[in-house]
Amino acid sequence: MKTSLEFAYAEVTDLKDEVEKTKKSENEIQCKMRNLEESNCLLQESVIDLKARSMRDNLLFYNVEERENTDEKIYQILEEKLQIPDARNKIKINRSHRVGRKHHAQRKPRAIVVKFNYFKDREDIRLNARKLKETRIGIAEQFPEEIEKIQQMLYPEMKSGKSRRT
């Protein structure tokens, strides 16, 4: 009987030790998970920041008819619609292209992303965009998806804040 009790006691002690080891291991894993989650959040924020910086010199042009040479079409808009004389020589476009794939069933033309060499040129064009009010063409800044989602969520607040001021 005594050996049986000693055996049972030893078994219980072993089980307690295993439970302690498991708890310790679980705590270590949870700590590592928290650290990895924090690192992941920091990396995601860095990626969003890098995307935003790379899009800093970009503008999106909407409702521009589909043509092969997007640079030429943009220069035409700058000179004719925005009334910027000699835009081809004054404003340098790094590159321009359509966003997404062309779908034959799609009626709306795809947006054009234009990367300007100089931020000042981009800002001058963006601020002149009000001249396009009578046309269907629109100009907007380009932001990463994550920032656009936040802006869409905050837009109703901004709108109600503006209406309260007036």
N, C-alpha and C. Protein backbone atom coordinates (compact mmCIF):
# COMPACT_ATOMS: atom_id res chain seq x y z
N MET A 1 0.82 -1.19 0.00
CA MET A 1 0.00 0.00 0.00
C MET A 1 0.87 1.26 0.00
N LYS A 2 1.94 1.22 0.84
CA LYS A 2 2.83 2.36 0.93
C LYS A 2 3.51 2.65 -0.41
N THR A 3 3.97 1.62 -1.09
CA THR A 3 4.62 1.80 -2.40
C THR A 3 3.63 2.33 -3.42
N SER A 4 2.40 1.89 -3.30
CA SER A 4 1.38 2.36 -4.22
C SER A 4 1.12 3.85 -4.01
N LEU A 5 1.08 4.31 -2.76
CA LEU A 5 0.91 5.73 -2.46
C LEU A 5 2.11 6.54 -2.93
N GLU A 6 3.30 6.00 -2.71
CA GLU A 6 4.51 6.68 -3.15
C GLU A 6 4.53 6.81 -4.68
N PHE A 7 4.08 5.75 -5.33
CA PHE A 7 4.02 5.78 -6.79
C PHE A 7 3.02 6.84 -7.27
N ALA A 8 1.85 6.87 -6.65
CA ALA A 8 0.81 7.85 -7.01
C ALA A 8 1.31 9.26 -6.74
N TYR A 9 1.99 9.45 -5.60
CA TYR A 9 2.52 10.77 -5.26
C TYR A 9 3.57 11.21 -6.30
N ALA A 10 4.42 10.27 -6.71
CA ALA A 10 5.44 10.57 -7.72
C ALA A 10 4.79 10.93 -9.05
N GLU A 11 3.72 10.21 -9.39
CA GLU A 11 2.98 10.51 -10.63
C GLU A 11 2.39 11.91 -10.57
N VAL A 12 1.78 12.25 -9.45
CA VAL A 12 1.17 13.58 -9.29
C VAL A 12 2.24 14.66 -9.37
N THR A 13 3.38 14.43 -8.75
CA THR A 13 4.48 15.39 -8.79
C THR A 13 4.98 15.57 -10.22
N ASP A 14 5.12 14.47 -10.93
CA ASP A 14 5.55 14.54 -12.34
C ASP A 14 4.54 15.34 -13.18
N LEU A 15 3.26 15.07 -12.95
CA LEU A 15 2.22 15.79 -13.69
C LEU A 15 2.25 17.29 -13.36
N LYS A 16 2.47 17.63 -12.09
CA LYS A 16 2.57 19.05 -11.70
C LYS A 16 3.74 19.71 -12.41
N ASP A 17 4.87 19.00 -12.44
CA ASP A 17 6.05 19.55 -13.12
C ASP A 17 5.76 19.78 -14.61
N GLU A 18 5.08 18.82 -15.22
CA GLU A 18 4.75 18.96 -16.65
C GLU A 18 3.80 20.13 -16.88
N VAL A 19 2.82 20.30 -15.99
CA VAL A 19 1.88 21.42 -16.11
C VAL A 19 2.64 22.73 -15.98
N GLU A 20 3.57 22.81 -15.04
CA GLU A 20 4.38 24.03 -14.86
C GLU A 20 5.20 24.33 -16.12
N LYS A 21 5.82 23.29 -16.67
CA LYS A 21 6.61 23.47 -17.89
C LYS A 21 5.71 23.94 -19.04
N THR A 22 4.53 23.35 -19.15
CA THR A 22 3.59 23.72 -20.21
C THR A 22 3.16 25.17 -20.04
N LYS A 23 2.84 25.58 -18.80
CA LYS A 23 2.45 26.98 -18.55
C LYS A 23 3.58 27.94 -18.91
N LYS A 24 4.80 27.57 -18.51
CA LYS A 24 5.95 28.41 -18.80
C LYS A 24 6.15 28.52 -20.32
N SER A 25 6.04 27.39 -21.00
CA SER A 25 6.18 27.37 -22.46
C SER A 25 5.08 28.20 -23.12
N GLU A 26 3.85 28.08 -22.61
CA GLU A 26 2.74 28.86 -23.15
C GLU A 26 2.98 30.35 -22.96
N ASN A 27 3.47 30.76 -21.80
CA ASN A 27 3.77 32.17 -21.55
C ASN A 27 4.85 32.69 -22.49
N GLU A 28 5.87 31.87 -22.71
CA GLU A 28 6.94 32.26 -23.63
C GLU A 28 6.40 32.43 -25.05
N ILE A 29 5.55 31.50 -25.46
CA ILE A 29 4.97 31.56 -26.80
C ILE A 29 4.09 32.79 -26.94
N GLN A 30 3.28 33.09 -25.91
CA GLN A 30 2.43 34.28 -25.95
C GLN A 30 3.27 35.55 -26.03
N CYS A 31 4.37 35.59 -25.30
CA CYS A 31 5.26 36.75 -25.34
C CYS A 31 5.85 36.91 -26.74
N LYS A 32 6.30 35.80 -27.32
CA LYS A 32 6.85 35.85 -28.68
C LYS A 32 5.78 36.29 -29.68
N MET A 33 4.55 35.81 -29.50
CA MET A 33 3.45 36.20 -30.39
C MET A 33 3.20 37.71 -30.30
N ARG A 34 3.18 38.25 -29.09
CA ARG A 34 2.98 39.69 -28.92
C ARG A 34 4.08 40.47 -29.61
N ASN A 35 5.33 40.02 -29.42
CA ASN A 35 6.46 40.69 -30.06
C ASN A 35 6.35 40.63 -31.58
N LEU A 36 5.97 39.47 -32.11
CA LEU A 36 5.80 39.33 -33.56
C LEU A 36 4.67 40.21 -34.08
N GLU A 37 3.57 40.28 -33.33
CA GLU A 37 2.45 41.13 -33.75
C GLU A 37 2.86 42.60 -33.76
N GLU A 38 3.61 43.03 -32.75
CA GLU A 38 4.09 44.41 -32.70
C GLU A 38 5.03 44.68 -33.87
N SER A 39 5.94 43.74 -34.14
CA SER A 39 6.87 43.89 -35.27
C SER A 39 6.10 43.97 -36.58
N ASN A 40 5.09 43.12 -36.71
CA ASN A 40 4.28 43.10 -37.93
C ASN A 40 3.57 44.44 -38.11
N CYS A 41 3.01 45.00 -37.04
CA CYS A 41 2.33 46.31 -37.13
C CYS A 41 3.32 47.39 -37.55
N LEU A 42 4.51 47.37 -36.96
CA LEU A 42 5.52 48.37 -37.32
C LEU A 42 5.92 48.24 -38.78
N LEU A 43 6.09 47.00 -39.24
CA LEU A 43 6.45 46.78 -40.64
C LEU A 43 5.33 47.24 -41.57
N GLN A 44 4.08 46.96 -41.21
CA GLN A 44 2.96 47.41 -42.04
C GLN A 44 2.91 48.92 -42.12
N GLU A 45 3.13 49.59 -40.98
CA GLU A 45 3.15 51.06 -40.98
C GLU A 45 4.28 51.58 -41.85
N SER A 46 5.44 50.92 -41.79
CA SER A 46 6.58 51.33 -42.62
C SER A 46 6.26 51.16 -44.11
N VAL A 47 5.62 50.06 -44.45
CA VAL A 47 5.27 49.80 -45.85
C VAL A 47 4.28 50.86 -46.34
N ILE A 48 3.27 51.18 -45.52
CA ILE A 48 2.29 52.20 -45.90
C ILE A 48 2.99 53.54 -46.09
N ASP A 49 3.91 53.87 -45.17
CA ASP A 49 4.65 55.12 -45.28
C ASP A 49 5.47 55.16 -46.58
N LEU A 50 6.14 54.05 -46.89
CA LEU A 50 6.93 53.99 -48.13
C LEU A 50 6.05 54.11 -49.37
N LYS A 51 4.88 53.45 -49.33
CA LYS A 51 3.94 53.58 -50.46
C LYS A 51 3.52 55.03 -50.64
N ALA A 52 3.17 55.67 -49.52
CA ALA A 52 2.71 57.07 -49.58
C ALA A 52 3.81 57.97 -50.12
N ARG A 53 5.04 57.73 -49.69
CA ARG A 53 6.16 58.54 -50.18
C ARG A 53 6.40 58.32 -51.67
N SER A 54 6.25 57.07 -52.12
CA SER A 54 6.49 56.80 -53.54
C SER A 54 5.37 57.37 -54.41
N MET A 55 4.19 57.58 -53.81
CA MET A 55 3.06 58.14 -54.56
C MET A 55 2.97 59.66 -54.42
N ARG A 56 3.88 60.23 -53.70
CA ARG A 56 3.84 61.66 -53.39
C ARG A 56 3.81 62.54 -54.64
N ASP A 57 4.53 62.16 -55.66
CA ASP A 57 4.62 62.96 -56.89
C ASP A 57 3.58 62.56 -57.94
N ASN A 58 2.63 61.70 -57.56
CA ASN A 58 1.64 61.18 -58.51
C ASN A 58 0.32 61.93 -58.44
N LEU A 59 -0.33 62.01 -59.58
CA LEU A 59 -1.71 62.47 -59.67
C LEU A 59 -2.49 61.46 -60.50
N LEU A 60 -3.76 61.31 -60.18
CA LEU A 60 -4.66 60.45 -60.95
C LEU A 60 -5.54 61.34 -61.82
N PHE A 61 -5.64 61.00 -63.09
CA PHE A 61 -6.51 61.71 -64.02
C PHE A 61 -7.66 60.77 -64.38
N TYR A 62 -8.89 61.21 -64.12
CA TYR A 62 -10.08 60.39 -64.35
C TYR A 62 -10.84 60.85 -65.58
N ASN A 63 -11.56 59.90 -66.19
CA ASN A 63 -12.44 60.16 -67.34
C ASN A 63 -11.71 60.73 -68.54
N VAL A 64 -10.49 60.26 -68.76
CA VAL A 64 -9.72 60.66 -69.94
C VAL A 64 -9.87 59.52 -70.94
N GLU A 65 -10.27 59.87 -72.17
CA GLU A 65 -10.52 58.83 -73.17
C GLU A 65 -9.30 57.93 -73.35
N GLU A 66 -9.59 56.66 -73.63
CA GLU A 66 -8.53 55.66 -73.79
C GLU A 66 -7.75 55.91 -75.07
N ARG A 67 -6.46 56.07 -74.92
CA ARG A 67 -5.53 56.23 -76.04
C ARG A 67 -4.24 55.53 -75.68
N GLU A 68 -3.45 55.25 -76.70
CA GLU A 68 -2.18 54.57 -76.49
C GLU A 68 -1.19 55.42 -75.69
N ASN A 69 -0.93 56.62 -76.15
CA ASN A 69 0.12 57.46 -75.57
C ASN A 69 -0.45 58.34 -74.45
N THR A 70 -0.31 57.88 -73.22
CA THR A 70 -0.89 58.62 -72.09
C THR A 70 -0.13 59.92 -71.83
N ASP A 71 1.19 59.93 -72.03
CA ASP A 71 1.96 61.18 -71.84
C ASP A 71 1.41 62.28 -72.74
N GLU A 72 1.20 61.94 -73.99
CA GLU A 72 0.71 62.92 -74.96
C GLU A 72 -0.67 63.43 -74.57
N LYS A 73 -1.53 62.52 -74.13
CA LYS A 73 -2.89 62.90 -73.73
C LYS A 73 -2.84 63.85 -72.52
N ILE A 74 -1.96 63.57 -71.57
CA ILE A 74 -1.83 64.43 -70.37
C ILE A 74 -1.32 65.80 -70.77
N TYR A 75 -0.30 65.85 -71.62
CA TYR A 75 0.21 67.15 -72.07
C TYR A 75 -0.88 67.95 -72.79
N GLN A 76 -1.70 67.25 -73.56
CA GLN A 76 -2.80 67.90 -74.27
C GLN A 76 -3.79 68.51 -73.25
N ILE A 77 -4.11 67.78 -72.20
CA ILE A 77 -5.01 68.30 -71.16
C ILE A 77 -4.38 69.50 -70.46
N LEU A 78 -3.08 69.39 -70.15
CA LEU A 78 -2.40 70.49 -69.45
C LEU A 78 -2.42 71.77 -70.29
N GLU A 79 -2.18 71.64 -71.57
CA GLU A 79 -2.12 72.82 -72.43
C GLU A 79 -3.50 73.36 -72.80
N GLU A 80 -4.42 72.47 -73.15
CA GLU A 80 -5.72 72.92 -73.64
C GLU A 80 -6.73 73.19 -72.52
N LYS A 81 -6.83 72.29 -71.58
CA LYS A 81 -7.86 72.42 -70.53
C LYS A 81 -7.38 73.25 -69.34
N LEU A 82 -6.14 73.02 -68.92
CA LEU A 82 -5.61 73.75 -67.76
C LEU A 82 -4.90 75.04 -68.17
N GLN A 83 -4.78 75.25 -69.46
CA GLN A 83 -4.20 76.48 -70.03
C GLN A 83 -2.79 76.75 -69.50
N ILE A 84 -1.97 75.70 -69.50
CA ILE A 84 -0.56 75.84 -69.14
C ILE A 84 0.22 75.92 -70.44
N PRO A 85 0.72 77.11 -70.79
CA PRO A 85 1.42 77.24 -72.07
C PRO A 85 2.74 76.46 -72.08
N ASP A 86 3.02 75.83 -73.20
CA ASP A 86 4.27 75.09 -73.41
C ASP A 86 4.52 74.05 -72.31
N ALA A 87 3.46 73.33 -71.92
CA ALA A 87 3.56 72.33 -70.85
C ALA A 87 4.57 71.23 -71.18
N ARG A 88 4.69 70.89 -72.45
CA ARG A 88 5.62 69.81 -72.84
C ARG A 88 7.06 70.14 -72.46
N ASN A 89 7.42 71.40 -72.49
CA ASN A 89 8.79 71.80 -72.15
C ASN A 89 8.94 72.21 -70.69
N LYS A 90 7.88 72.71 -70.09
CA LYS A 90 7.96 73.20 -68.72
C LYS A 90 7.77 72.10 -67.67
N ILE A 91 6.90 71.16 -67.96
CA ILE A 91 6.54 70.13 -66.98
C ILE A 91 7.09 68.78 -67.44
N LYS A 92 7.83 68.15 -66.56
CA LYS A 92 8.44 66.86 -66.90
C LYS A 92 7.65 65.73 -66.26
N ILE A 93 7.22 64.80 -67.10
CA ILE A 93 6.52 63.61 -66.63
C ILE A 93 7.53 62.47 -66.58
N ASN A 94 7.67 61.88 -65.41
CA ASN A 94 8.57 60.74 -65.26
C ASN A 94 8.00 59.53 -66.00
N ARG A 95 6.71 59.24 -65.71
CA ARG A 95 6.02 58.16 -66.44
C ARG A 95 4.52 58.31 -66.21
N SER A 96 3.76 57.72 -67.10
CA SER A 96 2.31 57.69 -66.95
C SER A 96 1.79 56.38 -67.53
N HIS A 97 0.70 55.90 -66.94
CA HIS A 97 0.10 54.66 -67.42
C HIS A 97 -1.32 54.54 -66.89
N ARG A 98 -2.09 53.68 -67.51
CA ARG A 98 -3.45 53.41 -67.08
C ARG A 98 -3.43 52.46 -65.88
N VAL A 99 -4.45 52.58 -65.04
CA VAL A 99 -4.56 51.73 -63.87
C VAL A 99 -5.46 50.54 -64.21
N GLY A 100 -4.98 49.34 -63.94
CA GLY A 100 -5.79 48.14 -64.14
C GLY A 100 -5.81 47.66 -65.57
N ARG A 101 -6.57 46.59 -65.78
CA ARG A 101 -6.69 45.99 -67.11
C ARG A 101 -7.87 46.57 -67.85
N LYS A 102 -7.76 46.57 -69.14
CA LYS A 102 -8.85 47.07 -69.97
C LYS A 102 -9.89 45.97 -70.14
N HIS A 103 -11.13 46.31 -69.82
CA HIS A 103 -12.25 45.39 -70.00
C HIS A 103 -13.13 45.95 -71.11
N HIS A 104 -13.46 45.10 -72.07
CA HIS A 104 -14.25 45.55 -73.22
C HIS A 104 -15.65 45.97 -72.80
N ALA A 105 -16.19 45.35 -71.76
CA ALA A 105 -17.55 45.67 -71.32
C ALA A 105 -17.58 46.98 -70.51
N GLN A 106 -16.43 47.42 -70.06
CA GLN A 106 -16.37 48.61 -69.21
C GLN A 106 -16.52 49.88 -70.05
N ARG A 107 -17.45 50.71 -69.67
CA ARG A 107 -17.71 51.94 -70.41
C ARG A 107 -16.79 53.07 -69.97
N LYS A 108 -16.53 53.13 -68.67
CA LYS A 108 -15.70 54.21 -68.16
C LYS A 108 -14.23 53.98 -68.50
N PRO A 109 -13.54 55.02 -68.92
CA PRO A 109 -12.10 54.85 -69.17
C PRO A 109 -11.34 54.66 -67.85
N ARG A 110 -10.28 53.90 -67.92
CA ARG A 110 -9.45 53.67 -66.73
C ARG A 110 -8.71 54.96 -66.37
N ALA A 111 -8.43 55.12 -65.09
CA ALA A 111 -7.69 56.31 -64.64
C ALA A 111 -6.25 56.23 -65.13
N ILE A 112 -5.63 57.40 -65.25
CA ILE A 112 -4.22 57.48 -65.62
C ILE A 112 -3.43 57.94 -64.40
N VAL A 113 -2.39 57.18 -64.06
CA VAL A 113 -1.47 57.60 -63.00
C VAL A 113 -0.32 58.33 -63.67
N VAL A 114 -0.04 59.55 -63.20
CA VAL A 114 1.05 60.34 -63.76
C VAL A 114 2.03 60.66 -62.65
N LYS A 115 3.28 60.26 -62.85
CA LYS A 115 4.35 60.59 -61.89
C LYS A 115 5.15 61.74 -62.47
N PHE A 116 5.13 62.86 -61.77
CA PHE A 116 5.85 64.05 -62.22
C PHE A 116 7.25 64.05 -61.62
N ASN A 117 8.20 64.64 -62.35
CA ASN A 117 9.57 64.73 -61.85
C ASN A 117 9.67 65.65 -60.64
N TYR A 118 8.84 66.70 -60.63
CA TYR A 118 8.94 67.70 -59.57
C TYR A 118 7.62 67.85 -58.85
N PHE A 119 7.69 67.87 -57.52
CA PHE A 119 6.50 68.01 -56.69
C PHE A 119 5.80 69.33 -56.96
N LYS A 120 6.56 70.38 -57.23
CA LYS A 120 5.98 71.70 -57.49
C LYS A 120 5.08 71.66 -58.73
N ASP A 121 5.52 70.97 -59.77
CA ASP A 121 4.69 70.82 -60.97
C ASP A 121 3.38 70.11 -60.63
N ARG A 122 3.50 69.06 -59.87
CA ARG A 122 2.32 68.29 -59.46
C ARG A 122 1.34 69.17 -58.69
N GLU A 123 1.85 69.96 -57.76
CA GLU A 123 0.99 70.83 -56.95
C GLU A 123 0.35 71.92 -57.80
N ASP A 124 1.10 72.50 -58.72
CA ASP A 124 0.53 73.53 -59.61
C ASP A 124 -0.64 72.96 -60.41
N ILE A 125 -0.47 71.75 -60.89
CA ILE A 125 -1.53 71.11 -61.68
C ILE A 125 -2.72 70.77 -60.78
N ARG A 126 -2.45 70.23 -59.61
CA ARG A 126 -3.54 69.88 -58.68
C ARG A 126 -4.36 71.12 -58.29
N LEU A 127 -3.67 72.21 -58.03
CA LEU A 127 -4.36 73.44 -57.63
C LEU A 127 -5.11 74.08 -58.80
N ASN A 128 -4.68 73.79 -60.02
CA ASN A 128 -5.34 74.30 -61.22
C ASN A 128 -6.52 73.43 -61.66
N ALA A 129 -6.72 72.30 -60.99
CA ALA A 129 -7.73 71.32 -61.41
C ALA A 129 -9.14 71.90 -61.42
N ARG A 130 -9.39 72.97 -60.70
CA ARG A 130 -10.74 73.58 -60.69
C ARG A 130 -11.14 74.06 -62.08
N LYS A 131 -10.17 74.30 -62.95
CA LYS A 131 -10.47 74.72 -64.32
C LYS A 131 -11.15 73.60 -65.12
N LEU A 132 -11.08 72.39 -64.60
CA LEU A 132 -11.69 71.24 -65.28
C LEU A 132 -13.14 71.02 -64.86
N LYS A 133 -13.67 71.92 -64.05
CA LYS A 133 -15.02 71.75 -63.51
C LYS A 133 -16.08 71.56 -64.59
N GLU A 134 -15.94 72.23 -65.70
CA GLU A 134 -16.92 72.15 -66.79
C GLU A 134 -16.73 70.90 -67.65
N THR A 135 -15.64 70.18 -67.44
CA THR A 135 -15.38 68.96 -68.21
C THR A 135 -15.69 67.76 -67.33
N ARG A 136 -15.60 66.58 -67.87
CA ARG A 136 -15.81 65.36 -67.08
C ARG A 136 -14.50 64.88 -66.47
N ILE A 137 -13.40 65.51 -66.83
CA ILE A 137 -12.08 65.08 -66.36
C ILE A 137 -11.89 65.50 -64.90
N GLY A 138 -11.32 64.60 -64.12
CA GLY A 138 -11.04 64.89 -62.72
C GLY A 138 -9.60 64.59 -62.39
N ILE A 139 -9.07 65.31 -61.40
CA ILE A 139 -7.69 65.10 -60.96
C ILE A 139 -7.72 64.89 -59.45
N ALA A 140 -6.97 63.89 -58.98
CA ALA A 140 -6.90 63.62 -57.55
C ALA A 140 -5.50 63.15 -57.18
N GLU A 141 -5.19 63.29 -55.91
CA GLU A 141 -3.92 62.77 -55.41
C GLU A 141 -4.02 61.26 -55.29
N GLN A 142 -2.89 60.59 -55.39
CA GLN A 142 -2.87 59.14 -55.24
C GLN A 142 -2.36 58.79 -53.85
N PHE A 143 -3.09 57.91 -53.16
CA PHE A 143 -2.72 57.45 -51.83
C PHE A 143 -2.79 55.92 -51.80
N PRO A 144 -2.08 55.29 -50.86
CA PRO A 144 -2.22 53.84 -50.69
C PRO A 144 -3.65 53.49 -50.26
N GLU A 145 -4.07 52.27 -50.55
CA GLU A 145 -5.42 51.81 -50.22
C GLU A 145 -5.76 52.02 -48.75
N GLU A 146 -4.80 51.73 -47.88
CA GLU A 146 -5.05 51.82 -46.45
C GLU A 146 -5.41 53.25 -46.05
N ILE A 147 -4.71 54.21 -46.62
CA ILE A 147 -4.98 55.62 -46.31
C ILE A 147 -6.32 56.05 -46.92
N GLU A 148 -6.62 55.57 -48.13
CA GLU A 148 -7.89 55.90 -48.76
C GLU A 148 -9.08 55.39 -47.94
N LYS A 149 -8.95 54.19 -47.38
CA LYS A 149 -10.04 53.65 -46.55
C LYS A 149 -10.28 54.53 -45.33
N ILE A 150 -9.21 54.99 -44.71
CA ILE A 150 -9.33 55.87 -43.55
C ILE A 150 -9.98 57.19 -43.96
N GLN A 151 -9.56 57.73 -45.10
CA GLN A 151 -10.14 58.98 -45.58
C GLN A 151 -11.64 58.83 -45.85
N GLN A 152 -12.03 57.70 -46.42
CA GLN A 152 -13.45 57.46 -46.69
C GLN A 152 -14.25 57.38 -45.40
N MET A 153 -13.66 56.78 -44.37
CA MET A 153 -14.34 56.70 -43.08
C MET A 153 -14.48 58.08 -42.44
N LEU A 154 -13.47 58.94 -42.62
CA LEU A 154 -13.48 60.26 -41.99
C LEU A 154 -14.23 61.31 -42.79
N TYR A 155 -14.52 61.03 -44.05
CA TYR A 155 -15.17 62.02 -44.92
C TYR A 155 -16.50 62.55 -44.35
N PRO A 156 -17.40 61.67 -43.86
CA PRO A 156 -18.65 62.20 -43.29
C PRO A 156 -18.41 63.16 -42.12
N GLU A 157 -17.41 62.88 -41.30
CA GLU A 157 -17.08 63.78 -40.19
C GLU A 157 -16.62 65.13 -40.70
N MET A 158 -15.76 65.12 -41.72
CA MET A 158 -15.27 66.37 -42.28
C MET A 158 -16.43 67.18 -42.87
N LYS A 159 -17.31 66.49 -43.56
CA LYS A 159 -18.45 67.16 -44.19
C LYS A 159 -19.36 67.79 -43.13
N SER A 160 -19.64 67.06 -42.06
CA SER A 160 -20.50 67.61 -41.01
C SER A 160 -19.80 68.74 -40.27
N GLY A 161 -18.49 68.66 -40.11
CA GLY A 161 -17.72 69.75 -39.48
C GLY A 161 -17.77 71.01 -40.32
N LYS A 162 -17.67 70.86 -41.64
CA LYS A 162 -17.74 72.03 -42.52
C LYS A 162 -19.12 72.67 -42.47
N SER A 163 -20.17 71.84 -42.43
CA SER A 163 -21.53 72.40 -42.40
C SER A 163 -21.80 73.10 -41.07
N ARG A 164 -21.19 72.67 -39.98
CA ARG A 164 -21.37 73.33 -38.68
C ARG A 164 -20.69 74.69 -38.65
N ARG A 165 -19.59 74.85 -39.40
CA ARG A 165 -18.87 76.13 -39.42
C ARG A 165 -19.65 77.21 -40.16
N THR A 166 -20.45 76.81 -41.13
CA THR A 166 -21.16 77.82 -41.93
C THR A 166 -22.51 78.16 -41.37
